[in-house]
Structures are given as C-alpha cells and as structure tokens.
Amino acid sequence: MGWLRTALTVALVVTALLLELTALPLVHLPGAVPDLLTVTVIALGFVGGPVRGAATGLFAGLLLDLVTPAVGVLGLSAVMLVVVGYFAGVLGGDRDRSPFVTVLVAGLLAGATTLGLALVGGVVADPRVSWDRVPGLVLTQTAYAVVLAAFVVPGVAALWRRVDPPAPRYEVGRQ
C-alpha cells in the first residue's frame, strides 16, 4: 500500500501545482494568487504525519522552484514547504479536533508560510520580496487558504482513507 500513498501524493501535488500556475491566476482575486500547493502539502501533512508531510513539502517545493521562472532563490520554497509540511504533520495528529479548527490551523500555516518566505527571502536578498506588500499578501493568503482548506483537507483525507484504510479494531475478550 505504500506505493499507492506515494502515487496519490505525487498526483495531488502535481495537480495542485498545475492548477496554481494555470487556472488560479485567471481568477484575478485581490491580493495574492491562492496558494493551492501549500494547502495541499498541509492537508497531506495532516493525514500522513510529520515525516510524510516534510517529504511532501520537499517534493512540492523543489517542483515549484524548478517549474516557475527562475527569478528567485532556488530551494527557498522547498525549505519553507518542508517546515510547513512537518508542522502540519505534528499538528494533524490530534484526531479529536473539530473541522473548523483544522481549517483555521491550515489557514494559519499557509499565512505563516508566506511570512516565512518573505523573511527568509529578505535575508538572502530575494528580488521578489517587497516589504510594503508583505502584510497584505499574508492576510489575503491566509484568507484564501482558509477557504481552500475547507474543501482540500476533507478531500485529501477521504482519498487518503481510500488508499490507506485504517486497521480494523478488534476487541479482545468479547464474544
């Protein structure tokens, strides 16, 4: 079943990247283009755990850095998505959390990713960082991520359960 999880992860990341680069810019929303790739990494971190979340973040970030025009620092997105995928995996271990709180956590993680990209990009002199736009980008990215997470997180969780069903629970001593 491990290869099914890997195939699902690759399919979801590639689909999210293609949608983020081709369809979402055409919507012309104010502020930033919604970051579907980050929300997908967060959702995969929630269901897969910290190690799978970090590995997914590395794959998604390197793919994003290699596909988009090379105007920034190569690997910057990969580093930030590794961190956010790991933290999503750590925070996703709480199965008793309400769906509303899960969506808010996903939005806050996406906003933190945007802020982290700006901070690290400012340190390494990334030409894409414009400090006067950072607060607006963080705010709109967080809002868009909350809306996207309301659909992406349950969808990814349902697909994950299909390829990785939970083990049956047996009660010992009952007849």
C-alpha atoms as a PDB file:
ATOM      1  CA  MET A   1       0.000   0.000   0.000  1.00  0.00           C
ATOM      2  CA  GLY A   2       2.998   2.318   0.303  1.00  0.00           C
ATOM      3  CA  TRP A   3       3.223   2.806  -3.442  1.00  0.00           C
ATOM      4  CA  LEU A   4      -0.455   3.834  -3.540  1.00  0.00           C
ATOM      5  CA  ARG A   5       0.153   6.542  -0.941  1.00  0.00           C
ATOM      6  CA  THR A   6       3.173   7.754  -2.890  1.00  0.00           C
ATOM      7  CA  ALA A   7       1.239   7.787  -6.168  1.00  0.00           C
ATOM      8  CA  LEU A   8      -1.615   9.689  -4.530  1.00  0.00           C
ATOM      9  CA  THR A   9       0.827  12.214  -3.051  1.00  0.00           C
ATOM     10  CA  VAL A  10       2.529  12.793  -6.413  1.00  0.00           C
ATOM     11  CA  ALA A  11      -0.809  13.102  -8.219  1.00  0.00           C
ATOM     12  CA  LEU A  12      -2.186  15.591  -5.688  1.00  0.00           C
ATOM     13  CA  VAL A  13       0.969  17.726  -5.652  1.00  0.00           C
ATOM     14  CA  VAL A  14       1.273  17.849  -9.444  1.00  0.00           C
ATOM     15  CA  THR A  15      -2.431  18.642  -9.834  1.00  0.00           C
ATOM     16  CA  ALA A  16      -2.260  21.399  -7.215  1.00  0.00           C
ATOM     17  CA  LEU A  17       0.837  22.889  -8.859  1.00  0.00           C
ATOM     18  CA  LEU A  18      -0.729  22.863 -12.316  1.00  0.00           C
ATOM     19  CA  LEU A  19      -3.938  24.464 -11.042  1.00  0.00           C
ATOM     20  CA  GLU A  20      -1.992  27.084  -9.081  1.00  0.00           C
ATOM     21  CA  LEU A  21       0.119  28.058 -12.069  1.00  0.00           C
ATOM     22  CA  THR A  22      -2.503  27.904 -14.809  1.00  0.00           C
ATOM     23  CA  ALA A  23      -6.076  28.322 -13.567  1.00  0.00           C
ATOM     24  CA  LEU A  24      -5.912  30.275 -10.309  1.00  0.00           C
ATOM     25  CA  PRO A  25      -4.125  33.347 -11.758  1.00  0.00           C
ATOM     26  CA  LEU A  26      -7.003  33.708 -14.222  1.00  0.00           C
ATOM     27  CA  VAL A  27      -9.480  34.243 -11.362  1.00  0.00           C
ATOM     28  CA  HIS A  28      -7.934  37.700 -10.658  1.00  0.00           C
ATOM     29  CA  LEU A  29      -8.591  37.799  -6.919  1.00  0.00           C
ATOM     30  CA  PRO A  30      -7.344  40.824  -4.987  1.00  0.00           C
ATOM     31  CA  GLY A  31      -4.023  40.412  -3.200  1.00  0.00           C
ATOM     32  CA  ALA A  32      -2.232  37.160  -3.854  1.00  0.00           C
ATOM     33  CA  VAL A  33      -2.936  34.172  -6.053  1.00  0.00           C
ATOM     34  CA  PRO A  34      -4.331  31.451  -3.765  1.00  0.00           C
ATOM     35  CA  ASP A  35      -1.594  29.011  -2.772  1.00  0.00           C
ATOM     36  CA  LEU A  36      -3.222  25.667  -3.500  1.00  0.00           C
ATOM     37  CA  LEU A  37       0.110  23.843  -3.365  1.00  0.00           C
ATOM     38  CA  THR A  38       0.768  24.883   0.233  1.00  0.00           C
ATOM     39  CA  VAL A  39      -2.750  23.908   1.296  1.00  0.00           C
ATOM     40  CA  THR A  40      -2.272  20.516  -0.381  1.00  0.00           C
ATOM     41  CA  VAL A  41       1.040  19.982   1.440  1.00  0.00           C
ATOM     42  CA  ILE A  42      -0.664  20.935   4.710  1.00  0.00           C
ATOM     43  CA  ALA A  43      -3.524  18.506   4.058  1.00  0.00           C
ATOM     44  CA  LEU A  44      -1.095  15.699   3.212  1.00  0.00           C
ATOM     45  CA  GLY A  45       0.861  16.519   6.369  1.00  0.00           C
ATOM     46  CA  PHE A  46      -2.335  16.298   8.422  1.00  0.00           C
ATOM     47  CA  VAL A  47      -3.138  12.797   7.168  1.00  0.00           C
ATOM     48  CA  GLY A  48       0.382  11.432   6.655  1.00  0.00           C
ATOM     49  CA  GLY A  49       2.251  12.659   9.709  1.00  0.00           C
ATOM     50  CA  PRO A  50       5.356  14.804  10.125  1.00  0.00           C
ATOM     51  CA  VAL A  51       7.803  12.715   8.083  1.00  0.00           C
ATOM     52  CA  ARG A  52       5.483  12.302   5.100  1.00  0.00           C
ATOM     53  CA  GLY A  53       4.477  15.974   5.406  1.00  0.00           C
ATOM     54  CA  ALA A  54       8.109  17.089   5.300  1.00  0.00           C
ATOM     55  CA  ALA A  55       8.908  14.771   2.383  1.00  0.00           C
ATOM     56  CA  THR A  56       5.858  16.034   0.506  1.00  0.00           C
ATOM     57  CA  GLY A  57       6.919  19.611   1.227  1.00  0.00           C
ATOM     58  CA  LEU A  58      10.388  18.932  -0.152  1.00  0.00           C
ATOM     59  CA  PHE A  59       8.998  17.364  -3.330  1.00  0.00           C
ATOM     60  CA  ALA A  60       6.406  20.107  -3.830  1.00  0.00           C
ATOM     61  CA  GLY A  61       8.845  22.928  -3.089  1.00  0.00           C
ATOM     62  CA  LEU A  62      11.538  21.643  -5.430  1.00  0.00           C
ATOM     63  CA  LEU A  63       8.952  21.079  -8.131  1.00  0.00           C
ATOM     64  CA  LEU A  64       7.640  24.620  -7.653  1.00  0.00           C
ATOM     65  CA  ASP A  65      11.125  26.106  -7.703  1.00  0.00           C
ATOM     66  CA  LEU A  66      12.043  24.223 -10.867  1.00  0.00           C
ATOM     67  CA  VAL A  67       8.807  24.846 -12.790  1.00  0.00           C
ATOM     68  CA  THR A  68       8.315  28.550 -12.147  1.00  0.00           C
ATOM     69  CA  PRO A  69      10.585  31.134 -13.765  1.00  0.00           C
ATOM     70  CA  ALA A  70      13.941  31.233 -12.018  1.00  0.00           C
ATOM     71  CA  VAL A  71      13.843  34.785 -10.674  1.00  0.00           C
ATOM     72  CA  GLY A  72      14.210  33.855  -7.016  1.00  0.00           C
ATOM     73  CA  VAL A  73      16.462  31.694  -4.918  1.00  0.00           C
ATOM     74  CA  LEU A  74      16.334  28.008  -5.872  1.00  0.00           C
ATOM     75  CA  GLY A  75      15.234  25.906  -2.916  1.00  0.00           C
ATOM     76  CA  LEU A  76      13.584  28.669  -0.900  1.00  0.00           C
ATOM     77  CA  SER A  77      10.077  27.320  -1.477  1.00  0.00           C
ATOM     78  CA  ALA A  78      11.302  23.804  -0.768  1.00  0.00           C
ATOM     79  CA  VAL A  79      12.708  24.798   2.622  1.00  0.00           C
ATOM     80  CA  MET A  80       9.524  26.581   3.650  1.00  0.00           C
ATOM     81  CA  LEU A  81       7.266  23.749   2.474  1.00  0.00           C
ATOM     82  CA  VAL A  82       9.386  21.195   4.343  1.00  0.00           C
ATOM     83  CA  VAL A  83       8.866  23.186   7.535  1.00  0.00           C
ATOM     84  CA  VAL A  84       5.132  23.693   6.977  1.00  0.00           C
ATOM     85  CA  GLY A  85       4.639  20.034   5.988  1.00  0.00           C
ATOM     86  CA  TYR A  86       6.414  18.897   9.153  1.00  0.00           C
ATOM     87  CA  PHE A  87       4.380  21.188  11.408  1.00  0.00           C
ATOM     88  CA  ALA A  88       1.159  20.147   9.669  1.00  0.00           C
ATOM     89  CA  GLY A  89       2.068  16.536  10.383  1.00  0.00           C
ATOM     90  CA  VAL A  90       2.740  17.309  14.037  1.00  0.00           C
ATOM     91  CA  LEU A  91      -0.485  19.288  14.401  1.00  0.00           C
ATOM     92  CA  GLY A  92      -2.524  16.782  12.399  1.00  0.00           C
ATOM     93  CA  GLY A  93      -2.046  14.040  14.967  1.00  0.00           C
ATOM     94  CA  ASP A  94      -4.960  15.375  17.038  1.00  0.00           C
ATOM     95  CA  ARG A  95      -7.926  13.453  15.620  1.00  0.00           C
ATOM     96  CA  ASP A  96     -10.396  14.972  18.133  1.00  0.00           C
ATOM     97  CA  ARG A  97     -10.048  18.468  16.654  1.00  0.00           C
ATOM     98  CA  SER A  98     -13.150  19.958  15.058  1.00  0.00           C
ATOM     99  CA  PRO A  99     -13.131  20.508  11.284  1.00  0.00           C
ATOM    100  CA  PHE A 100     -13.466  24.266  11.804  1.00  0.00           C
ATOM    101  CA  VAL A 101     -10.295  24.408  13.908  1.00  0.00           C
ATOM    102  CA  THR A 102      -8.477  22.188  11.395  1.00  0.00           C
ATOM    103  CA  VAL A 103      -9.342  24.605   8.583  1.00  0.00           C
ATOM    104  CA  LEU A 104      -8.191  27.566  10.693  1.00  0.00           C
ATOM    105  CA  VAL A 105      -4.916  25.812  11.511  1.00  0.00           C
ATOM    106  CA  ALA A 106      -4.372  25.164   7.793  1.00  0.00           C
ATOM    107  CA  GLY A 107      -5.014  28.847   7.041  1.00  0.00           C
ATOM    108  CA  LEU A 108      -2.614  29.994   9.738  1.00  0.00           C
ATOM    109  CA  LEU A 109       0.074  27.606   8.499  1.00  0.00           C
ATOM    110  CA  ALA A 110      -0.338  28.946   4.944  1.00  0.00           C
ATOM    111  CA  GLY A 111      -0.111  32.530   6.192  1.00  0.00           C
ATOM    112  CA  ALA A 112       2.991  31.622   8.193  1.00  0.00           C
ATOM    113  CA  THR A 113       4.479  30.120   5.025  1.00  0.00           C
ATOM    114  CA  THR A 114       4.002  33.396   3.157  1.00  0.00           C
ATOM    115  CA  LEU A 115       5.551  35.342   6.021  1.00  0.00           C
ATOM    116  CA  GLY A 116       8.411  32.843   6.279  1.00  0.00           C
ATOM    117  CA  LEU A 117       9.105  33.094   2.550  1.00  0.00           C
ATOM    118  CA  ALA A 118       9.269  36.879   2.875  1.00  0.00           C
ATOM    119  CA  LEU A 119      11.549  36.775   5.933  1.00  0.00           C
ATOM    120  CA  VAL A 120      13.972  34.214   4.533  1.00  0.00           C
ATOM    121  CA  GLY A 121      13.801  35.851   1.100  1.00  0.00           C
ATOM    122  CA  GLY A 122      14.695  39.184   2.682  1.00  0.00           C
ATOM    123  CA  VAL A 123      17.698  37.637   4.405  1.00  0.00           C
ATOM    124  CA  VAL A 124      19.047  36.052   1.207  1.00  0.00           C
ATOM    125  CA  ALA A 125      18.177  39.119  -0.928  1.00  0.00           C
ATOM    126  CA  ASP A 126      15.431  37.506  -2.996  1.00  0.00           C
ATOM    127  CA  PRO A 127      14.359  40.084  -5.622  1.00  0.00           C
ATOM    128  CA  ARG A 128      10.689  39.032  -5.305  1.00  0.00           C
ATOM    129  CA  VAL A 129      10.368  40.341  -1.726  1.00  0.00           C
ATOM    130  CA  SER A 130       8.638  43.711  -1.466  1.00  0.00           C
ATOM    131  CA  TRP A 131       8.166  44.633   2.205  1.00  0.00           C
ATOM    132  CA  ASP A 132       5.336  47.074   1.575  1.00  0.00           C
ATOM    133  CA  ARG A 133       3.222  44.241   0.093  1.00  0.00           C
ATOM    134  CA  VAL A 134       4.015  41.561   2.694  1.00  0.00           C
ATOM    135  CA  PRO A 135       1.224  42.349   5.224  1.00  0.00           C
ATOM    136  CA  GLY A 136      -1.439  42.350   2.512  1.00  0.00           C
ATOM    137  CA  LEU A 137      -0.088  39.148   0.993  1.00  0.00           C
ATOM    138  CA  VAL A 138      -0.043  37.371   4.357  1.00  0.00           C
ATOM    139  CA  LEU A 139      -3.604  38.482   5.103  1.00  0.00           C
ATOM    140  CA  THR A 140      -5.032  37.506   1.706  1.00  0.00           C
ATOM    141  CA  GLN A 141      -3.054  34.266   1.560  1.00  0.00           C
ATOM    142  CA  THR A 142      -4.391  33.269   4.986  1.00  0.00           C
ATOM    143  CA  ALA A 143      -7.969  34.077   3.970  1.00  0.00           C
ATOM    144  CA  TYR A 144      -7.688  32.207   0.669  1.00  0.00           C
ATOM    145  CA  ALA A 145      -6.062  29.235   2.402  1.00  0.00           C
ATOM    146  CA  VAL A 146      -8.930  29.010   4.901  1.00  0.00           C
ATOM    147  CA  VAL A 147     -11.421  28.870   2.028  1.00  0.00           C
ATOM    148  CA  LEU A 148      -9.347  26.350   0.062  1.00  0.00           C
ATOM    149  CA  ALA A 149      -8.678  24.208   3.134  1.00  0.00           C
ATOM    150  CA  ALA A 150     -12.403  23.816   3.729  1.00  0.00           C
ATOM    151  CA  PHE A 151     -12.506  21.769   0.520  1.00  0.00           C
ATOM    152  CA  VAL A 152      -8.962  20.401   0.141  1.00  0.00           C
ATOM    153  CA  VAL A 153      -8.404  18.970   3.646  1.00  0.00           C
ATOM    154  CA  PRO A 154     -11.565  16.802   3.727  1.00  0.00           C
ATOM    155  CA  GLY A 155     -10.991  15.749   0.107  1.00  0.00           C
ATOM    156  CA  VAL A 156      -7.407  14.700   0.737  1.00  0.00           C
ATOM    157  CA  ALA A 157      -8.453  12.907   3.948  1.00  0.00           C
ATOM    158  CA  ALA A 158     -11.144  10.967   2.067  1.00  0.00           C
ATOM    159  CA  LEU A 159      -8.708   9.975  -0.698  1.00  0.00           C
ATOM    160  CA  TRP A 160      -6.087   9.013   1.886  1.00  0.00           C
ATOM    161  CA  ARG A 161      -8.581   6.724   3.659  1.00  0.00           C
ATOM    162  CA  ARG A 162      -9.320   5.042   0.319  1.00  0.00           C
ATOM    163  CA  VAL A 163      -5.669   4.136  -0.339  1.00  0.00           C
ATOM    164  CA  ASP A 164      -4.725   3.597   3.311  1.00  0.00           C
ATOM    165  CA  PRO A 165      -7.733   2.233   5.202  1.00  0.00           C
ATOM    166  CA  PRO A 166      -7.447   2.179   8.976  1.00  0.00           C
ATOM    167  CA  ALA A 167      -6.665  -1.138  10.594  1.00  0.00           C
ATOM    168  CA  PRO A 168      -9.699  -2.999  11.921  1.00  0.00           C
ATOM    169  CA  ARG A 169     -10.256  -2.712  15.636  1.00  0.00           C
ATOM    170  CA  TYR A 170     -10.695  -5.968  17.471  1.00  0.00           C
ATOM    171  CA  GLU A 171     -11.941  -6.153  20.993  1.00  0.00           C
ATOM    172  CA  VAL A 172     -10.216  -8.852  22.972  1.00  0.00           C
ATOM    173  CA  GLY A 173     -12.351 -10.886  25.340  1.00  0.00           C
ATOM    174  CA  ARG A 174     -15.717 -10.212  23.718  1.00  0.00           C
ATOM    175  CA  GLN A 175     -17.713 -12.932  22.054  1.00  0.00           C
END
